[in-house]
Amino acid sequence: MEPATQSTRLEPVPEQSGAEQRAAPRFTLLIRAAKLVSAQGEFVCVIRDVSETGVSVRLFHALPGCKQYALHMPAGAIYEVARVWQRDNEAGFTFDAPVVVEKLVNESGEYPKRGLRLALCFPVTIKMLSGSVEAMVENLSQQGARLTCDRLLAIDQTVRMEMPDLSGKPREVRAKVRWRRDQQYGVVFDDTFTLGDFARLAALLQAPALLEEAAPGA
């Protein structure tokens, strides 16, 4: 099963000798999904380990070559970070400024059910009993999407969205319209994406080459 945004728990990492003893105290932040934002897009990660000076994350694909990122937490906090290493499906970053670990952890656990939303823009075909219409997704989460469409859709109407698939072929996703504001709509998917599929779809839509660079097990 893919990692999910489960309850947060702090555990001190066993003390080490030498330089590691002089380093900032480290804690394990278990299974907290977040996103890394760079000049090349927004990418899903899972925070695994955090200290006052840095953080390590699990990845689902390779990252862009840029060094500077912004780490966006589920509840809205943003931390500027710089990548210092990446191997297999993990990467480590340093914070541009020291952080209070307890504040970061408490903030990230304040809304444990709040899902990540990525600013991904891509066209989709919406199919209904009355026919089909083109629409544009403006942002995407594991559970749903916001889109614009010039066809009037009814609240609670069930639609089928033809979206990109990781295999390169179109994938049909059933969804229900939850809200409407002018030509903007919010839809909820009948079957949600796993965190891993969501992360890889985001990479496919923004930088497909990152999936080719992914290490086995990512």
Foldseek 3Di string as FASTA:
>chain_A
DFFALDAWDWDWDDQDDDPSNVDFTKIFTPRFKWWKQDPQFIFIWTWTIDGQWKTKTFHLFADDPAFWIWIAALLGDIFIWGWDDDDAGMTMITTPHGDDVVVVNCSNRPCSPRWDKTQFWDKKWKADPVGIFIKIWGIDTQWWTKIFGPDDDDAQDKIWIFDAAPVRHTDIWIWGWHDDDNRMTIITTPHGDRSSRVRQVRCCRRPPVRRVRHHPPD
